[in-house]
Amino acid sequence: MLRCNMNTETPSLQLQLDDLLGDLQHCRRRGDMGRLALLSYCEVRRWARQAGEQALAEHSFEMIVRSPHANREAFMAQVDVLIGELEQARGRTAATPQAIRA
């Protein structure tokens, strides 16, 4: 009975975003800049492209590749902005029917 109710396909965009936000927030609290850079560049861009969030994908790219940060605080401030944008995308993704199945 349980098997009938389980979705064995790829996780929804909403679940992927929740996991990504959790990872980002955890690394942000720990101050793990290397992991934050990896998540911000690779995982955020991948998720944003799948979700059709092109502006978010571009911001992630710009944040890591095109704009050197003066110091740790500047980088962390950019991460905070990115997390905020992802939280806004969470609302948009939850409202779309295709978020249920990716």
PDB file of N, CA and C in Angstrom:
ATOM      1  N   MET A   1       0.816  -1.193   0.000  1.00  0.00           N
ATOM      2  CA  MET A   1       0.000   0.000   0.000  1.00  0.00           C
ATOM      3  C   MET A   1       0.860   1.257   0.000  1.00  0.00           C
ATOM      4  N   LEU A   2       1.894   1.257   0.805  1.00  0.00           N
ATOM      5  CA  LEU A   2       2.774   2.415   0.865  1.00  0.00           C
ATOM      6  C   LEU A   2       3.442   2.662  -0.477  1.00  0.00           C
ATOM      7  N   ARG A   3       3.841   1.607  -1.133  1.00  0.00           N
ATOM      8  CA  ARG A   3       4.521   1.746  -2.420  1.00  0.00           C
ATOM      9  C   ARG A   3       3.647   2.476  -3.436  1.00  0.00           C
ATOM     10  N   CYS A   4       2.361   2.261  -3.408  1.00  0.00           N
ATOM     11  CA  CYS A   4       1.455   2.921  -4.354  1.00  0.00           C
ATOM     12  C   CYS A   4       1.449   4.426  -4.165  1.00  0.00           C
ATOM     13  N   ASN A   5       1.681   4.870  -2.948  1.00  0.00           N
ATOM     14  CA  ASN A   5       1.624   6.295  -2.655  1.00  0.00           C
ATOM     15  C   ASN A   5       2.963   6.988  -2.788  1.00  0.00           C
ATOM     16  N   MET A   6       4.014   6.247  -2.932  1.00  0.00           N
ATOM     17  CA  MET A   6       5.351   6.842  -3.009  1.00  0.00           C
ATOM     18  C   MET A   6       5.653   7.281  -4.430  1.00  0.00           C
ATOM     19  N   ASN A   7       6.254   8.448  -4.548  1.00  0.00           N
ATOM     20  CA  ASN A   7       6.697   8.948  -5.847  1.00  0.00           C
ATOM     21  C   ASN A   7       8.142   8.509  -6.025  1.00  0.00           C
ATOM     22  N   THR A   8       8.385   7.568  -6.946  1.00  0.00           N
ATOM     23  CA  THR A   8       9.735   7.053  -7.146  1.00  0.00           C
ATOM     24  C   THR A   8      10.498   7.810  -8.214  1.00  0.00           C
ATOM     25  N   GLU A   9       9.882   8.822  -8.801  1.00  0.00           N
ATOM     26  CA  GLU A   9      10.571   9.632  -9.802  1.00  0.00           C
ATOM     27  C   GLU A   9      11.488  10.631  -9.116  1.00  0.00           C
ATOM     28  N   THR A  10      12.128  11.451  -9.917  1.00  0.00           N
ATOM     29  CA  THR A  10      13.032  12.451  -9.356  1.00  0.00           C
ATOM     30  C   THR A  10      12.275  13.377  -8.419  1.00  0.00           C
ATOM     31  N   PRO A  11      12.951  13.892  -7.392  1.00  0.00           N
ATOM     32  CA  PRO A  11      12.262  14.781  -6.451  1.00  0.00           C
ATOM     33  C   PRO A  11      11.755  16.034  -7.157  1.00  0.00           C
ATOM     34  N   SER A  12      10.712  16.582  -6.608  1.00  0.00           N
ATOM     35  CA  SER A  12      10.139  17.781  -7.206  1.00  0.00           C
ATOM     36  C   SER A  12      11.091  18.955  -7.061  1.00  0.00           C
ATOM     37  N   LEU A  13      10.869  19.965  -7.856  1.00  0.00           N
ATOM     38  CA  LEU A  13      11.677  21.179  -7.765  1.00  0.00           C
ATOM     39  C   LEU A  13      11.560  21.799  -6.384  1.00  0.00           C
ATOM     40  N   GLN A  14      10.385  21.690  -5.793  1.00  0.00           N
ATOM     41  CA  GLN A  14      10.172  22.262  -4.464  1.00  0.00           C
ATOM     42  C   GLN A  14      11.050  21.552  -3.429  1.00  0.00           C
ATOM     43  N   LEU A  15      11.102  20.236  -3.478  1.00  0.00           N
ATOM     44  CA  LEU A  15      11.937  19.491  -2.528  1.00  0.00           C
ATOM     45  C   LEU A  15      13.420  19.771  -2.756  1.00  0.00           C
ATOM     46  N   GLN A  16      13.808  19.859  -4.009  1.00  0.00           N
ATOM     47  CA  GLN A  16      15.196  20.176  -4.316  1.00  0.00           C
ATOM     48  C   GLN A  16      15.561  21.552  -3.779  1.00  0.00           C
ATOM     49  N   LEU A  17      14.661  22.502  -3.929  1.00  0.00           N
ATOM     50  CA  LEU A  17      14.913  23.851  -3.431  1.00  0.00           C
ATOM     51  C   LEU A  17      14.984  23.869  -1.912  1.00  0.00           C
ATOM     52  N   ASP A  18      14.106  23.139  -1.261  1.00  0.00           N
ATOM     53  CA  ASP A  18      14.150  23.071   0.204  1.00  0.00           C
ATOM     54  C   ASP A  18      15.482  22.513   0.687  1.00  0.00           C
ATOM     55  N   ASP A  19      15.963  21.458   0.034  1.00  0.00           N
ATOM     56  CA  ASP A  19      17.261  20.888   0.396  1.00  0.00           C
ATOM     57  C   ASP A  19      18.392  21.882   0.156  1.00  0.00           C
ATOM     58  N   LEU A  20      18.340  22.554  -0.973  1.00  0.00           N
ATOM     59  CA  LEU A  20      19.375  23.526  -1.314  1.00  0.00           C
ATOM     60  C   LEU A  20      19.395  24.680  -0.322  1.00  0.00           C
ATOM     61  N   LEU A  21      18.235  25.188   0.014  1.00  0.00           N
ATOM     62  CA  LEU A  21      18.166  26.268   1.002  1.00  0.00           C
ATOM     63  C   LEU A  21      18.688  25.810   2.360  1.00  0.00           C
ATOM     64  N   GLY A  22      18.348  24.603   2.744  1.00  0.00           N
ATOM     65  CA  GLY A  22      18.848  24.064   4.005  1.00  0.00           C
ATOM     66  C   GLY A  22      20.363  23.969   4.016  1.00  0.00           C
ATOM     67  N   ASP A  23      20.932  23.485   2.924  1.00  0.00           N
ATOM     68  CA  ASP A  23      22.398  23.398   2.817  1.00  0.00           C
ATOM     69  C   ASP A  23      23.042  24.775   2.886  1.00  0.00           C
ATOM     70  N   LEU A  24      22.496  25.717   2.133  1.00  0.00           N
ATOM     71  CA  LEU A  24      23.047  27.076   2.129  1.00  0.00           C
ATOM     72  C   LEU A  24      22.981  27.713   3.515  1.00  0.00           C
ATOM     73  N   GLN A  25      21.844  27.579   4.167  1.00  0.00           N
ATOM     74  CA  GLN A  25      21.682  28.187   5.484  1.00  0.00           C
ATOM     75  C   GLN A  25      22.600  27.550   6.519  1.00  0.00           C
ATOM     76  N   HIS A  26      22.778  26.241   6.429  1.00  0.00           N
ATOM     77  CA  HIS A  26      23.685  25.546   7.350  1.00  0.00           C
ATOM     78  C   HIS A  26      25.129  26.019   7.145  1.00  0.00           C
ATOM     79  N   CYS A  27      25.553  26.065   5.909  1.00  0.00           N
ATOM     80  CA  CYS A  27      26.922  26.517   5.608  1.00  0.00           C
ATOM     81  C   CYS A  27      27.108  27.984   5.972  1.00  0.00           C
ATOM     82  N   ARG A  28      26.066  28.766   5.807  1.00  0.00           N
ATOM     83  CA  ARG A  28      26.140  30.182   6.166  1.00  0.00           C
ATOM     84  C   ARG A  28      26.353  30.346   7.671  1.00  0.00           C
ATOM     85  N   ARG A  29      25.622  29.576   8.458  1.00  0.00           N
ATOM     86  CA  ARG A  29      25.791  29.634   9.917  1.00  0.00           C
ATOM     87  C   ARG A  29      27.187  29.195  10.336  1.00  0.00           C
ATOM     88  N   ARG A  30      27.721  28.195   9.651  1.00  0.00           N
ATOM     89  CA  ARG A  30      29.053  27.686   9.976  1.00  0.00           C
ATOM     90  C   ARG A  30      30.165  28.559   9.407  1.00  0.00           C
ATOM     91  N   GLY A  31      29.841  29.413   8.451  1.00  0.00           N
ATOM     92  CA  GLY A  31      30.855  30.254   7.823  1.00  0.00           C
ATOM     93  C   GLY A  31      31.735  29.494   6.847  1.00  0.00           C
ATOM     94  N   ASP A  32      31.208  28.431   6.273  1.00  0.00           N
ATOM     95  CA  ASP A  32      31.949  27.581   5.346  1.00  0.00           C
ATOM     96  C   ASP A  32      31.936  28.206   3.950  1.00  0.00           C
ATOM     97  N   MET A  33      32.878  29.095   3.700  1.00  0.00           N
ATOM     98  CA  MET A  33      32.899  29.848   2.445  1.00  0.00           C
ATOM     99  C   MET A  33      33.113  28.973   1.212  1.00  0.00           C
ATOM    100  N   GLY A  34      33.948  27.961   1.335  1.00  0.00           N
ATOM    101  CA  GLY A  34      34.189  27.091   0.193  1.00  0.00           C
ATOM    102  C   GLY A  34      32.935  26.358  -0.245  1.00  0.00           C
ATOM    103  N   ARG A  35      32.234  25.807   0.714  1.00  0.00           N
ATOM    104  CA  ARG A  35      30.993  25.095   0.407  1.00  0.00           C
ATOM    105  C   ARG A  35      29.926  26.066  -0.093  1.00  0.00           C
ATOM    106  N   LEU A  36      29.870  27.257   0.487  1.00  0.00           N
ATOM    107  CA  LEU A  36      28.923  28.272   0.016  1.00  0.00           C
ATOM    108  C   LEU A  36      29.185  28.640  -1.437  1.00  0.00           C
ATOM    109  N   ALA A  37      30.446  28.791  -1.790  1.00  0.00           N
ATOM    110  CA  ALA A  37      30.786  29.125  -3.171  1.00  0.00           C
ATOM    111  C   ALA A  37      30.370  27.995  -4.113  1.00  0.00           C
ATOM    112  N   LEU A  38      30.646  26.768  -3.718  1.00  0.00           N
ATOM    113  CA  LEU A  38      30.262  25.616  -4.536  1.00  0.00           C
ATOM    114  C   LEU A  38      28.754  25.539  -4.706  1.00  0.00           C
ATOM    115  N   LEU A  39      28.022  25.621  -3.615  1.00  0.00           N
ATOM    116  CA  LEU A  39      26.561  25.558  -3.696  1.00  0.00           C
ATOM    117  C   LEU A  39      26.003  26.714  -4.513  1.00  0.00           C
ATOM    118  N   SER A  40      26.537  27.917  -4.275  1.00  0.00           N
ATOM    119  CA  SER A  40      26.036  29.105  -4.970  1.00  0.00           C
ATOM    120  C   SER A  40      26.259  29.021  -6.467  1.00  0.00           C
ATOM    121  N   TYR A  41      27.408  28.529  -6.858  1.00  0.00           N
ATOM    122  CA  TYR A  41      27.730  28.484  -8.281  1.00  0.00           C
ATOM    123  C   TYR A  41      27.105  27.273  -8.975  1.00  0.00           C
ATOM    124  N   CYS A  42      27.313  26.095  -8.439  1.00  0.00           N
ATOM    125  CA  CYS A  42      26.878  24.875  -9.128  1.00  0.00           C
ATOM    126  C   CYS A  42      25.412  24.525  -8.876  1.00  0.00           C
ATOM    127  N   GLU A  43      25.063  24.371  -7.629  1.00  0.00           N
ATOM    128  CA  GLU A  43      23.740  23.859  -7.302  1.00  0.00           C
ATOM    129  C   GLU A  43      22.630  24.884  -7.527  1.00  0.00           C
ATOM    130  N   VAL A  44      22.871  26.123  -7.168  1.00  0.00           N
ATOM    131  CA  VAL A  44      21.843  27.144  -7.396  1.00  0.00           C
ATOM    132  C   VAL A  44      21.609  27.316  -8.890  1.00  0.00           C
ATOM    133  N   ARG A  45      22.671  27.375  -9.666  1.00  0.00           N
ATOM    134  CA  ARG A  45      22.507  27.522 -11.120  1.00  0.00           C
ATOM    135  C   ARG A  45      21.764  26.332 -11.714  1.00  0.00           C
ATOM    136  N   ARG A  46      22.111  25.123 -11.296  1.00  0.00           N
ATOM    137  CA  ARG A  46      21.450  23.922 -11.814  1.00  0.00           C
ATOM    138  C   ARG A  46      19.956  23.957 -11.491  1.00  0.00           C
ATOM    139  N   TRP A  47      19.640  24.249 -10.225  1.00  0.00           N
ATOM    140  CA  TRP A  47      18.235  24.282  -9.837  1.00  0.00           C
ATOM    141  C   TRP A  47      17.492  25.393 -10.591  1.00  0.00           C
ATOM    142  N   ALA A  48      18.085  26.567 -10.661  1.00  0.00           N
ATOM    143  CA  ALA A  48      17.434  27.707 -11.306  1.00  0.00           C
ATOM    144  C   ALA A  48      17.150  27.419 -12.775  1.00  0.00           C
ATOM    145  N   ARG A  49      18.067  26.773 -13.443  1.00  0.00           N
ATOM    146  CA  ARG A  49      17.837  26.437 -14.859  1.00  0.00           C
ATOM    147  C   ARG A  49      16.688  25.449 -15.004  1.00  0.00           C
ATOM    148  N   GLN A  50      16.659  24.429 -14.134  1.00  0.00           N
ATOM    149  CA  GLN A  50      15.571  23.447 -14.195  1.00  0.00           C
ATOM    150  C   GLN A  50      14.225  24.100 -13.908  1.00  0.00           C
ATOM    151  N   ALA A  51      14.217  25.069 -13.011  1.00  0.00           N
ATOM    152  CA  ALA A  51      12.973  25.722 -12.612  1.00  0.00           C
ATOM    153  C   ALA A  51      12.585  26.866 -13.545  1.00  0.00           C
ATOM    154  N   GLY A  52      13.435  27.185 -14.511  1.00  0.00           N
ATOM    155  CA  GLY A  52      13.138  28.291 -15.422  1.00  0.00           C
ATOM    156  C   GLY A  52      13.389  29.659 -14.802  1.00  0.00           C
ATOM    157  N   GLU A  53      14.198  29.703 -13.778  1.00  0.00           N
ATOM    158  CA  GLU A  53      14.537  30.950 -13.074  1.00  0.00           C
ATOM    159  C   GLU A  53      15.862  31.481 -13.636  1.00  0.00           C
ATOM    160  N   GLN A  54      15.813  32.000 -14.859  1.00  0.00           N
ATOM    161  CA  GLN A  54      17.037  32.414 -15.545  1.00  0.00           C
ATOM    162  C   GLN A  54      17.749  33.573 -14.845  1.00  0.00           C
ATOM    163  N   ALA A  55      16.999  34.503 -14.299  1.00  0.00           N
ATOM    164  CA  ALA A  55      17.620  35.643 -13.605  1.00  0.00           C
ATOM    165  C   ALA A  55      18.390  35.166 -12.378  1.00  0.00           C
ATOM    166  N   LEU A  56      17.851  34.199 -11.691  1.00  0.00           N
ATOM    167  CA  LEU A  56      18.521  33.645 -10.522  1.00  0.00           C
ATOM    168  C   LEU A  56      19.788  32.893 -10.927  1.00  0.00           C
ATOM    169  N   ALA A  57      19.724  32.153 -12.012  1.00  0.00           N
ATOM    170  CA  ALA A  57      20.904  31.444 -12.520  1.00  0.00           C
ATOM    171  C   ALA A  57      21.996  32.439 -12.906  1.00  0.00           C
ATOM    172  N   GLU A  58      21.600  33.523 -13.540  1.00  0.00           N
ATOM    173  CA  GLU A  58      22.571  34.544 -13.948  1.00  0.00           C
ATOM    174  C   GLU A  58      23.177  35.242 -12.735  1.00  0.00           C
ATOM    175  N   HIS A  59      22.366  35.523 -11.729  1.00  0.00           N
ATOM    176  CA  HIS A  59      22.889  36.163 -10.514  1.00  0.00           C
ATOM    177  C   HIS A  59      23.905  35.257  -9.825  1.00  0.00           C
ATOM    178  N   SER A  60      23.619  33.973  -9.779  1.00  0.00           N
ATOM    179  CA  SER A  60      24.545  33.017  -9.182  1.00  0.00           C
ATOM    180  C   SER A  60      25.876  33.013  -9.925  1.00  0.00           C
ATOM    181  N   PHE A  61      25.807  33.029 -11.245  1.00  0.00           N
ATOM    182  CA  PHE A  61      27.016  33.063 -12.068  1.00  0.00           C
ATOM    183  C   PHE A  61      27.812  34.336 -11.813  1.00  0.00           C
ATOM    184  N   GLU A  62      27.121  35.464 -11.867  1.00  0.00           N
ATOM    185  CA  GLU A  62      27.782  36.754 -11.667  1.00  0.00           C
ATOM    186  C   GLU A  62      28.431  36.839 -10.288  1.00  0.00           C
ATOM    187  N   MET A  63      27.741  36.348  -9.301  1.00  0.00           N
ATOM    188  CA  MET A  63      28.223  36.432  -7.926  1.00  0.00           C
ATOM    189  C   MET A  63      29.573  35.740  -7.743  1.00  0.00           C
ATOM    190  N   ILE A  64      29.746  34.619  -8.374  1.00  0.00           N
ATOM    191  CA  ILE A  64      30.971  33.845  -8.180  1.00  0.00           C
ATOM    192  C   ILE A  64      32.029  34.165  -9.228  1.00  0.00           C
ATOM    193  N   VAL A  65      31.653  34.286 -10.479  1.00  0.00           N
ATOM    194  CA  VAL A  65      32.629  34.382 -11.562  1.00  0.00           C
ATOM    195  C   VAL A  65      33.057  35.813 -11.868  1.00  0.00           C
ATOM    196  N   ARG A  66      32.122  36.725 -11.894  1.00  0.00           N
ATOM    197  CA  ARG A  66      32.440  38.053 -12.416  1.00  0.00           C
ATOM    198  C   ARG A  66      32.692  39.132 -11.375  1.00  0.00           C
ATOM    199  N   SER A  67      32.402  38.864 -10.137  1.00  0.00           N
ATOM    200  CA  SER A  67      32.578  39.957  -9.173  1.00  0.00           C
ATOM    201  C   SER A  67      33.439  39.496  -7.992  1.00  0.00           C
ATOM    202  N   PRO A  68      34.699  39.864  -7.996  1.00  0.00           N
ATOM    203  CA  PRO A  68      35.536  39.514  -6.837  1.00  0.00           C
ATOM    204  C   PRO A  68      35.040  40.273  -5.612  1.00  0.00           C
ATOM    205  N   HIS A  69      35.119  39.619  -4.501  1.00  0.00           N
ATOM    206  CA  HIS A  69      34.626  40.211  -3.261  1.00  0.00           C
ATOM    207  C   HIS A  69      35.792  40.802  -2.484  1.00  0.00           C
ATOM    208  N   ALA A  70      35.572  41.971  -1.939  1.00  0.00           N
ATOM    209  CA  ALA A  70      36.626  42.680  -1.219  1.00  0.00           C
ATOM    210  C   ALA A  70      37.049  41.949   0.041  1.00  0.00           C
ATOM    211  N   ASN A  71      36.101  41.289   0.676  1.00  0.00           N
ATOM    212  CA  ASN A  71      36.419  40.583   1.919  1.00  0.00           C
ATOM    213  C   ASN A  71      35.344  39.547   2.206  1.00  0.00           C
ATOM    214  N   ARG A  72      35.520  38.849   3.301  1.00  0.00           N
ATOM    215  CA  ARG A  72      34.604  37.791   3.703  1.00  0.00           C
ATOM    216  C   ARG A  72      33.187  38.327   3.907  1.00  0.00           C
ATOM    217  N   GLU A  73      33.075  39.485   4.540  1.00  0.00           N
ATOM    218  CA  GLU A  73      31.762  40.045   4.826  1.00  0.00           C
ATOM    219  C   GLU A  73      30.999  40.379   3.542  1.00  0.00           C
ATOM    220  N   ALA A  74      31.707  40.863   2.541  1.00  0.00           N
ATOM    221  CA  ALA A  74      31.061  41.176   1.264  1.00  0.00           C
ATOM    222  C   ALA A  74      30.525  39.904   0.606  1.00  0.00           C
ATOM    223  N   PHE A  75      31.300  38.837   0.660  1.00  0.00           N
ATOM    224  CA  PHE A  75      30.848  37.565   0.102  1.00  0.00           C
ATOM    225  C   PHE A  75      29.631  37.043   0.855  1.00  0.00           C
ATOM    226  N   MET A  76      29.699  37.099   2.182  1.00  0.00           N
ATOM    227  CA  MET A  76      28.580  36.607   2.992  1.00  0.00           C
ATOM    228  C   MET A  76      27.317  37.438   2.754  1.00  0.00           C
ATOM    229  N   ALA A  77      27.480  38.731   2.524  1.00  0.00           N
ATOM    230  CA  ALA A  77      26.326  39.581   2.220  1.00  0.00           C
ATOM    231  C   ALA A  77      25.685  39.156   0.902  1.00  0.00           C
ATOM    232  N   GLN A  78      26.508  38.810  -0.086  1.00  0.00           N
ATOM    233  CA  GLN A  78      25.988  38.332  -1.366  1.00  0.00           C
ATOM    234  C   GLN A  78      25.278  36.991  -1.200  1.00  0.00           C
ATOM    235  N   VAL A  79      25.813  36.127  -0.346  1.00  0.00           N
ATOM    236  CA  VAL A  79      25.161  34.846  -0.072  1.00  0.00           C
ATOM    237  C   VAL A  79      23.794  35.099   0.559  1.00  0.00           C
ATOM    238  N   ASP A  80      23.715  36.051   1.472  1.00  0.00           N
ATOM    239  CA  ASP A  80      22.437  36.380   2.102  1.00  0.00           C
ATOM    240  C   ASP A  80      21.419  36.852   1.068  1.00  0.00           C
ATOM    241  N   VAL A  81      21.864  37.650   0.106  1.00  0.00           N
ATOM    242  CA  VAL A  81      20.977  38.110  -0.965  1.00  0.00           C
ATOM    243  C   VAL A  81      20.503  36.918  -1.794  1.00  0.00           C
ATOM    244  N   LEU A  82      21.415  36.016  -2.118  1.00  0.00           N
ATOM    245  CA  LEU A  82      21.069  34.838  -2.906  1.00  0.00           C
ATOM    246  C   LEU A  82      20.065  33.961  -2.161  1.00  0.00           C
ATOM    247  N   ILE A  83      20.271  33.775  -0.875  1.00  0.00           N
ATOM    248  CA  ILE A  83      19.325  32.991  -0.072  1.00  0.00           C
ATOM    249  C   ILE A  83      17.950  33.657  -0.096  1.00  0.00           C
ATOM    250  N   GLY A  84      17.920  34.975   0.012  1.00  0.00           N
ATOM    251  CA  GLY A  84      16.651  35.700  -0.062  1.00  0.00           C
ATOM    252  C   GLY A  84      15.951  35.491  -1.396  1.00  0.00           C
ATOM    253  N   GLU A  85      16.716  35.520  -2.477  1.00  0.00           N
ATOM    254  CA  GLU A  85      16.135  35.298  -3.806  1.00  0.00           C
ATOM    255  C   GLU A  85      15.595  33.879  -3.932  1.00  0.00           C
ATOM    256  N   LEU A  86      16.305  32.915  -3.360  1.00  0.00           N
ATOM    257  CA  LEU A  86      15.831  31.534  -3.393  1.00  0.00           C
ATOM    258  C   LEU A  86      14.550  31.369  -2.580  1.00  0.00           C
ATOM    259  N   GLU A  87      14.455  32.065  -1.473  1.00  0.00           N
ATOM    260  CA  GLU A  87      13.230  32.002  -0.675  1.00  0.00           C
ATOM    261  C   GLU A  87      12.050  32.608  -1.430  1.00  0.00           C
ATOM    262  N   GLN A  88      12.302  33.652  -2.196  1.00  0.00           N
ATOM    263  CA  GLN A  88      11.249  34.218  -3.040  1.00  0.00           C
ATOM    264  C   GLN A  88      10.857  33.229  -4.136  1.00  0.00           C
ATOM    265  N   ALA A  89      11.855  32.555  -4.701  1.00  0.00           N
ATOM    266  CA  ALA A  89      11.585  31.550  -5.735  1.00  0.00           C
ATOM    267  C   ALA A  89      10.789  30.383  -5.162  1.00  0.00           C
ATOM    268  N   ARG A  90      10.972  30.094  -3.890  1.00  0.00           N
ATOM    269  CA  ARG A  90      10.217  29.023  -3.234  1.00  0.00           C
ATOM    270  C   ARG A  90       8.717  29.306  -3.337  1.00  0.00           C
ATOM    271  N   GLY A  91       8.346  30.552  -3.109  1.00  0.00           N
ATOM    272  CA  GLY A  91       6.939  30.928  -3.223  1.00  0.00           C
ATOM    273  C   GLY A  91       6.416  30.774  -4.639  1.00  0.00           C
ATOM    274  N   ARG A  92       7.224  31.171  -5.600  1.00  0.00           N
ATOM    275  CA  ARG A  92       6.806  31.036  -7.003  1.00  0.00           C
ATOM    276  C   ARG A  92       6.723  29.576  -7.412  1.00  0.00           C
ATOM    277  N   THR A  93       7.669  28.765  -6.966  1.00  0.00           N
ATOM    278  CA  THR A  93       7.706  27.356  -7.335  1.00  0.00           C
ATOM    279  C   THR A  93       6.554  26.601  -6.709  1.00  0.00           C
ATOM    280  N   ALA A  94       6.217  26.925  -5.476  1.00  0.00           N
ATOM    281  CA  ALA A  94       5.116  26.252  -4.791  1.00  0.00           C
ATOM    282  C   ALA A  94       3.782  26.532  -5.480  1.00  0.00           C
ATOM    283  N   ALA A  95       3.690  27.650  -6.154  1.00  0.00           N
ATOM    284  CA  ALA A  95       2.435  28.039  -6.805  1.00  0.00           C
ATOM    285  C   ALA A  95       2.247  27.388  -8.170  1.00  0.00           C
ATOM    286  N   THR A  96       3.303  26.797  -8.738  1.00  0.00           N
ATOM    287  CA  THR A  96       3.188  26.232 -10.078  1.00  0.00           C
ATOM    288  C   THR A  96       2.917  24.727 -10.010  1.00  0.00           C
ATOM    289  N   PRO A  97       2.027  24.217 -10.849  1.00  0.00           N
ATOM    290  CA  PRO A  97       1.698  22.787 -10.826  1.00  0.00           C
ATOM    291  C   PRO A  97       2.869  21.879 -11.179  1.00  0.00           C
ATOM    292  N   GLN A  98       3.777  22.306 -12.067  1.00  0.00           N
ATOM    293  CA  GLN A  98       4.886  21.453 -12.455  1.00  0.00           C
ATOM    294  C   GLN A  98       5.904  21.290 -11.326  1.00  0.00           C
ATOM    295  N   ALA A  99       5.789  22.050 -10.267  1.00  0.00           N
ATOM    296  CA  ALA A  99       6.684  21.895  -9.122  1.00  0.00           C
ATOM    297  C   ALA A  99       6.429  20.578  -8.418  1.00  0.00           C
ATOM    298  N   ILE A 100       5.241  20.005  -8.632  1.00  0.00           N
ATOM    299  CA  ILE A 100       4.917  18.739  -7.987  1.00  0.00           C
ATOM    300  C   ILE A 100       5.720  17.619  -8.596  1.00  0.00           C
ATOM    301  N   ARG A 101       5.910  17.659  -9.887  1.00  0.00           N
ATOM    302  CA  ARG A 101       6.718  16.646 -10.562  1.00  0.00           C
ATOM    303  C   ARG A 101       7.711  17.324 -11.462  1.00  0.00           C
ATOM    304  N   ALA A 102       8.999  17.078 -11.232  1.00  0.00           N
ATOM    305  CA  ALA A 102      10.050  17.670 -12.069  1.00  0.00           C
ATOM    306  C   ALA A 102      10.469  16.688 -13.124  1.00  0.00           C
TER     307      ALA A 102
END
